[in-house]
């Protein structure tokens, strides 16, 4: 069955903070309701914890690292779900149930199957 990656874009928050408990509960309920099609999922730490890696020039060039997010945005990549669905239409219907879709965005992309 085809797989789709649902990337969640929401406010850049600490999901374990007490003020996020209600919304986090919505995500947990989504996971329960869709357990049969979720193959993996994770919540990401805030972008302030990110390390950006670049290689100057080309392969073998100097490695340059920068602390913090790649770009300043209103919504940040905050998590993902790897979904199994019959087709894109079904994957979109599942993604529409994610709380991120209600106040942020969910990007759904097909996964290229490894051979």
N, C-alpha and C. Protein backbone atom coordinates (compact mmCIF):
# COMPACT_ATOMS: atom_id res chain seq x y z
N UNK A 1 0.86 -1.18 0.00
CA UNK A 1 0.00 0.00 0.00
C UNK A 1 0.91 1.24 0.00
N UNK A 2 0.54 2.26 -0.75
CA UNK A 2 1.36 3.48 -0.80
C UNK A 2 1.46 4.16 0.57
N UNK A 3 2.59 4.85 0.75
CA UNK A 3 2.79 5.62 1.98
C UNK A 3 2.89 7.10 1.66
N UNK A 4 2.46 7.91 2.62
CA UNK A 4 2.45 9.37 2.49
C UNK A 4 3.01 9.96 3.77
N UNK A 5 3.83 10.98 3.64
CA UNK A 5 4.34 11.69 4.80
C UNK A 5 3.49 12.93 5.01
N UNK A 6 2.90 13.04 6.19
CA UNK A 6 2.10 14.21 6.54
C UNK A 6 2.95 15.05 7.48
N UNK A 7 3.43 16.18 6.97
CA UNK A 7 4.27 17.10 7.74
C UNK A 7 3.38 18.15 8.39
N UNK A 8 3.50 18.32 9.70
CA UNK A 8 2.64 19.28 10.40
C UNK A 8 3.38 20.60 10.59
N UNK A 9 2.71 21.68 10.25
CA UNK A 9 3.24 23.03 10.42
C UNK A 9 2.30 23.78 11.36
N UNK A 10 2.84 24.17 12.51
CA UNK A 10 2.02 24.85 13.52
C UNK A 10 2.86 25.94 14.17
N UNK A 11 2.28 26.58 15.16
CA UNK A 11 3.06 27.53 15.96
C UNK A 11 4.25 26.78 16.56
N UNK A 12 5.36 27.46 16.67
CA UNK A 12 6.60 26.86 17.17
C UNK A 12 6.59 26.90 18.70
N UNK A 13 6.05 25.84 19.30
CA UNK A 13 5.87 25.81 20.75
C UNK A 13 6.54 24.58 21.35
N UNK A 14 6.66 24.59 22.67
CA UNK A 14 7.11 23.42 23.41
C UNK A 14 5.87 22.58 23.69
N UNK A 15 5.73 21.47 22.98
CA UNK A 15 4.51 20.67 23.08
C UNK A 15 4.32 20.03 24.45
N UNK A 16 5.37 19.98 25.26
CA UNK A 16 5.24 19.38 26.59
C UNK A 16 4.91 20.41 27.66
N UNK A 17 4.81 21.68 27.28
CA UNK A 17 4.43 22.72 28.24
C UNK A 17 2.96 22.53 28.64
N UNK A 18 2.62 22.83 29.88
CA UNK A 18 1.25 22.62 30.37
C UNK A 18 0.18 23.31 29.51
N UNK A 19 0.49 24.48 28.97
CA UNK A 19 -0.53 25.19 28.17
C UNK A 19 -0.83 24.51 26.83
N UNK A 20 -0.05 23.50 26.46
CA UNK A 20 -0.30 22.77 25.21
C UNK A 20 -1.05 21.46 25.45
N UNK A 21 -1.37 21.16 26.70
CA UNK A 21 -1.97 19.86 27.05
C UNK A 21 -3.24 19.56 26.28
N UNK A 22 -4.11 20.53 26.13
CA UNK A 22 -5.39 20.30 25.45
C UNK A 22 -5.17 19.95 23.98
N UNK A 23 -4.31 20.72 23.31
CA UNK A 23 -4.06 20.43 21.90
C UNK A 23 -3.31 19.12 21.73
N UNK A 24 -2.37 18.83 22.63
CA UNK A 24 -1.65 17.58 22.56
C UNK A 24 -2.61 16.40 22.72
N UNK A 25 -3.63 16.57 23.54
CA UNK A 25 -4.65 15.54 23.70
C UNK A 25 -5.38 15.29 22.39
N UNK A 26 -5.62 16.34 21.60
CA UNK A 26 -6.25 16.17 20.28
C UNK A 26 -5.36 15.33 19.36
N UNK A 27 -4.05 15.54 19.42
CA UNK A 27 -3.13 14.75 18.60
C UNK A 27 -3.12 13.29 19.05
N UNK A 28 -3.18 13.07 20.36
CA UNK A 28 -3.22 11.70 20.87
C UNK A 28 -4.49 11.00 20.41
N UNK A 29 -5.61 11.72 20.40
CA UNK A 29 -6.87 11.13 19.95
C UNK A 29 -6.80 10.82 18.45
N UNK A 30 -6.17 11.71 17.66
CA UNK A 30 -5.97 11.43 16.24
C UNK A 30 -5.19 10.12 16.08
N UNK A 31 -4.15 9.94 16.89
CA UNK A 31 -3.33 8.73 16.80
C UNK A 31 -4.14 7.47 17.13
N UNK A 32 -5.00 7.57 18.12
CA UNK A 32 -5.85 6.44 18.48
C UNK A 32 -6.84 6.15 17.35
N UNK A 33 -7.48 7.20 16.84
CA UNK A 33 -8.49 7.03 15.80
C UNK A 33 -7.92 6.51 14.49
N UNK A 34 -6.63 6.75 14.24
CA UNK A 34 -6.03 6.39 12.94
C UNK A 34 -4.86 5.42 13.10
N UNK A 35 -4.83 4.68 14.19
CA UNK A 35 -3.72 3.78 14.47
C UNK A 35 -3.48 2.76 13.37
N UNK A 36 -4.54 2.36 12.68
CA UNK A 36 -4.40 1.34 11.64
C UNK A 36 -3.63 1.82 10.41
N UNK A 37 -3.49 3.12 10.21
CA UNK A 37 -2.78 3.61 9.02
C UNK A 37 -1.51 4.40 9.37
N UNK A 38 -1.23 4.66 10.65
CA UNK A 38 -0.03 5.39 11.05
C UNK A 38 1.10 4.39 11.21
N UNK A 39 2.17 4.57 10.45
CA UNK A 39 3.33 3.68 10.51
C UNK A 39 4.44 4.25 11.38
N UNK A 40 4.48 5.56 11.53
CA UNK A 40 5.47 6.24 12.39
C UNK A 40 4.98 7.66 12.62
N UNK A 41 5.43 8.25 13.72
CA UNK A 41 5.12 9.65 13.97
C UNK A 41 6.09 10.18 15.01
N UNK A 42 6.25 11.49 15.03
CA UNK A 42 7.11 12.12 16.03
C UNK A 42 6.76 13.59 16.14
N UNK A 43 6.98 14.12 17.34
CA UNK A 43 6.87 15.55 17.60
C UNK A 43 8.30 16.08 17.65
N UNK A 44 8.52 17.23 17.04
CA UNK A 44 9.86 17.82 17.03
C UNK A 44 10.01 18.86 18.13
N UNK A 45 11.21 18.97 18.68
CA UNK A 45 11.50 20.04 19.62
C UNK A 45 11.38 21.37 18.88
N UNK A 46 11.21 22.50 19.59
CA UNK A 46 11.11 23.81 18.94
C UNK A 46 12.32 24.11 18.06
N UNK A 47 12.11 24.97 17.07
CA UNK A 47 13.19 25.28 16.12
C UNK A 47 14.39 25.94 16.79
N UNK A 48 14.22 26.49 17.97
CA UNK A 48 15.36 27.08 18.67
C UNK A 48 16.41 26.03 19.01
N UNK A 49 16.04 24.76 18.99
CA UNK A 49 16.99 23.68 19.28
C UNK A 49 17.66 23.15 18.01
N UNK A 50 17.29 23.69 16.86
CA UNK A 50 17.79 23.18 15.58
C UNK A 50 19.25 23.55 15.34
N UNK A 51 19.91 22.71 14.56
CA UNK A 51 21.24 22.99 14.05
C UNK A 51 21.16 22.85 12.54
N UNK A 52 21.52 23.89 11.82
CA UNK A 52 21.48 23.88 10.36
C UNK A 52 22.88 23.51 9.87
N UNK A 53 22.96 22.54 8.96
CA UNK A 53 24.23 22.06 8.42
C UNK A 53 24.30 22.38 6.94
N UNK A 54 25.40 22.98 6.54
CA UNK A 54 25.65 23.27 5.13
C UNK A 54 27.09 22.86 4.81
N UNK A 55 27.33 22.49 3.57
CA UNK A 55 28.69 22.22 3.10
C UNK A 55 29.03 23.29 2.09
N UNK A 56 30.09 24.04 2.38
CA UNK A 56 30.52 25.13 1.50
C UNK A 56 31.09 24.54 0.21
N UNK A 57 30.65 25.09 -0.90
CA UNK A 57 31.13 24.60 -2.19
C UNK A 57 30.40 23.35 -2.60
N UNK A 58 31.08 22.24 -2.59
CA UNK A 58 30.50 20.97 -3.01
C UNK A 58 30.91 19.89 -2.02
N UNK A 59 30.64 18.66 -2.37
CA UNK A 59 31.00 17.53 -1.52
C UNK A 59 32.46 17.64 -1.10
N UNK A 60 32.70 17.43 0.18
CA UNK A 60 34.06 17.52 0.67
C UNK A 60 34.47 18.91 1.12
N UNK A 61 33.58 19.91 0.92
CA UNK A 61 33.88 21.27 1.34
C UNK A 61 33.79 21.41 2.85
N UNK A 62 34.06 22.61 3.32
CA UNK A 62 33.98 22.88 4.76
C UNK A 62 32.54 22.75 5.24
N UNK A 63 32.38 22.13 6.38
CA UNK A 63 31.06 22.00 7.00
C UNK A 63 30.82 23.25 7.84
N UNK A 64 29.69 23.89 7.59
CA UNK A 64 29.33 25.11 8.31
C UNK A 64 28.03 24.82 9.07
N UNK A 65 28.05 25.04 10.39
CA UNK A 65 26.82 24.81 11.17
C UNK A 65 26.37 26.13 11.79
N UNK A 66 25.06 26.25 11.90
CA UNK A 66 24.45 27.44 12.48
C UNK A 66 23.40 26.99 13.48
N UNK A 67 23.35 27.62 14.63
CA UNK A 67 22.31 27.31 15.62
C UNK A 67 21.01 27.98 15.21
N UNK A 68 19.91 27.37 15.63
CA UNK A 68 18.60 27.98 15.41
C UNK A 68 17.96 27.54 14.12
N UNK A 69 16.80 28.07 13.86
CA UNK A 69 16.02 27.62 12.70
C UNK A 69 16.64 28.04 11.38
N UNK A 70 16.28 27.31 10.35
CA UNK A 70 16.72 27.60 8.99
C UNK A 70 16.14 28.94 8.52
N UNK A 71 14.89 29.18 8.86
CA UNK A 71 14.23 30.42 8.45
C UNK A 71 13.24 30.85 9.53
N UNK A 72 13.01 32.13 9.64
CA UNK A 72 12.02 32.65 10.57
C UNK A 72 10.66 32.62 9.88
N UNK A 73 9.71 31.93 10.51
CA UNK A 73 8.37 31.82 9.94
C UNK A 73 7.34 31.84 11.05
N UNK A 74 6.11 32.12 10.67
CA UNK A 74 5.01 32.09 11.64
C UNK A 74 4.71 30.66 12.07
N UNK A 75 4.73 29.75 11.11
CA UNK A 75 4.49 28.34 11.38
C UNK A 75 5.77 27.57 11.07
N UNK A 76 6.06 26.57 11.90
CA UNK A 76 7.28 25.79 11.74
C UNK A 76 6.93 24.32 11.57
N UNK A 77 7.84 23.57 11.00
CA UNK A 77 7.69 22.12 10.92
C UNK A 77 7.80 21.59 12.35
N UNK A 78 6.71 21.03 12.86
CA UNK A 78 6.67 20.61 14.26
C UNK A 78 6.48 19.11 14.45
N UNK A 79 6.28 18.38 13.38
CA UNK A 79 6.13 16.94 13.52
C UNK A 79 5.77 16.29 12.21
N UNK A 80 5.62 14.97 12.27
CA UNK A 80 5.26 14.24 11.06
C UNK A 80 4.51 12.96 11.40
N UNK A 81 3.79 12.46 10.43
CA UNK A 81 3.14 11.16 10.49
C UNK A 81 3.43 10.45 9.19
N UNK A 82 3.84 9.21 9.26
CA UNK A 82 3.99 8.37 8.07
C UNK A 82 2.71 7.55 7.98
N UNK A 83 1.94 7.81 6.93
CA UNK A 83 0.63 7.18 6.77
C UNK A 83 0.64 6.17 5.64
N UNK A 84 -0.12 5.13 5.80
CA UNK A 84 -0.39 4.20 4.71
C UNK A 84 -1.82 4.45 4.28
N UNK A 85 -2.01 4.70 2.99
CA UNK A 85 -3.34 4.99 2.48
C UNK A 85 -3.45 4.43 1.06
N UNK A 86 -4.66 4.17 0.65
CA UNK A 86 -4.88 3.60 -0.68
C UNK A 86 -4.43 4.54 -1.79
N UNK A 87 -4.61 5.85 -1.55
CA UNK A 87 -4.25 6.85 -2.57
C UNK A 87 -4.15 8.22 -1.91
N UNK A 88 -3.79 9.22 -2.70
CA UNK A 88 -3.64 10.57 -2.17
C UNK A 88 -4.94 11.09 -1.57
N UNK A 89 -6.04 10.79 -2.19
CA UNK A 89 -7.34 11.26 -1.68
C UNK A 89 -7.58 10.75 -0.25
N UNK A 90 -7.29 9.49 -0.01
CA UNK A 90 -7.47 8.94 1.34
C UNK A 90 -6.46 9.56 2.31
N UNK A 91 -5.21 9.76 1.87
CA UNK A 91 -4.19 10.38 2.72
C UNK A 91 -4.60 11.80 3.11
N UNK A 92 -5.17 12.54 2.18
CA UNK A 92 -5.63 13.90 2.47
C UNK A 92 -6.79 13.87 3.47
N UNK A 93 -7.68 12.92 3.31
CA UNK A 93 -8.81 12.81 4.25
C UNK A 93 -8.31 12.51 5.66
N UNK A 94 -7.29 11.70 5.78
CA UNK A 94 -6.71 11.40 7.09
C UNK A 94 -6.03 12.65 7.64
N UNK A 95 -5.22 13.31 6.80
CA UNK A 95 -4.49 14.50 7.23
C UNK A 95 -5.42 15.62 7.67
N UNK A 96 -6.59 15.70 7.08
CA UNK A 96 -7.55 16.74 7.45
C UNK A 96 -8.05 16.57 8.89
N UNK A 97 -7.85 15.40 9.46
CA UNK A 97 -8.25 15.15 10.85
C UNK A 97 -7.20 15.62 11.85
N UNK A 98 -6.00 15.95 11.36
CA UNK A 98 -4.93 16.40 12.25
C UNK A 98 -5.22 17.80 12.79
N UNK A 99 -5.02 18.02 14.08
CA UNK A 99 -5.22 19.37 14.63
C UNK A 99 -4.39 20.44 13.92
N UNK A 100 -3.24 20.08 13.37
CA UNK A 100 -2.42 21.07 12.64
C UNK A 100 -3.18 21.64 11.46
N UNK A 101 -4.06 20.87 10.86
CA UNK A 101 -4.83 21.35 9.70
C UNK A 101 -5.87 22.38 10.10
N UNK A 102 -6.25 22.40 11.36
CA UNK A 102 -7.30 23.31 11.83
C UNK A 102 -6.79 24.72 12.05
N UNK A 103 -5.51 24.88 12.43
CA UNK A 103 -5.00 26.22 12.71
C UNK A 103 -3.65 26.47 12.10
N UNK A 104 -3.13 25.49 11.40
CA UNK A 104 -1.82 25.60 10.75
C UNK A 104 -1.93 25.01 9.36
N UNK A 105 -1.09 24.03 9.09
CA UNK A 105 -1.12 23.38 7.78
C UNK A 105 -0.53 21.98 7.90
N UNK A 106 -0.96 21.11 7.00
CA UNK A 106 -0.39 19.77 6.89
C UNK A 106 0.00 19.58 5.43
N UNK A 107 1.26 19.30 5.20
CA UNK A 107 1.76 19.02 3.85
C UNK A 107 1.80 17.51 3.68
N UNK A 108 1.12 17.00 2.65
CA UNK A 108 1.08 15.55 2.39
C UNK A 108 1.88 15.28 1.14
N UNK A 109 2.86 14.37 1.28
CA UNK A 109 3.72 14.04 0.14
C UNK A 109 3.85 12.54 0.00
N UNK A 110 3.76 12.02 -1.23
CA UNK A 110 3.95 10.59 -1.41
C UNK A 110 5.42 10.21 -1.15
N UNK A 111 5.59 9.02 -0.60
CA UNK A 111 6.92 8.49 -0.32
C UNK A 111 7.31 7.59 -1.49
N UNK A 112 8.53 7.75 -1.98
CA UNK A 112 9.04 6.89 -3.05
C UNK A 112 9.44 5.58 -2.41
N UNK A 113 8.84 4.50 -2.87
CA UNK A 113 9.13 3.19 -2.31
C UNK A 113 10.56 2.79 -2.68
N UNK A 114 11.29 2.26 -1.69
CA UNK A 114 12.64 1.78 -1.98
C UNK A 114 12.54 0.44 -2.69
N UNK A 115 13.51 0.19 -3.54
CA UNK A 115 13.48 -1.07 -4.31
C UNK A 115 14.60 -1.96 -3.91
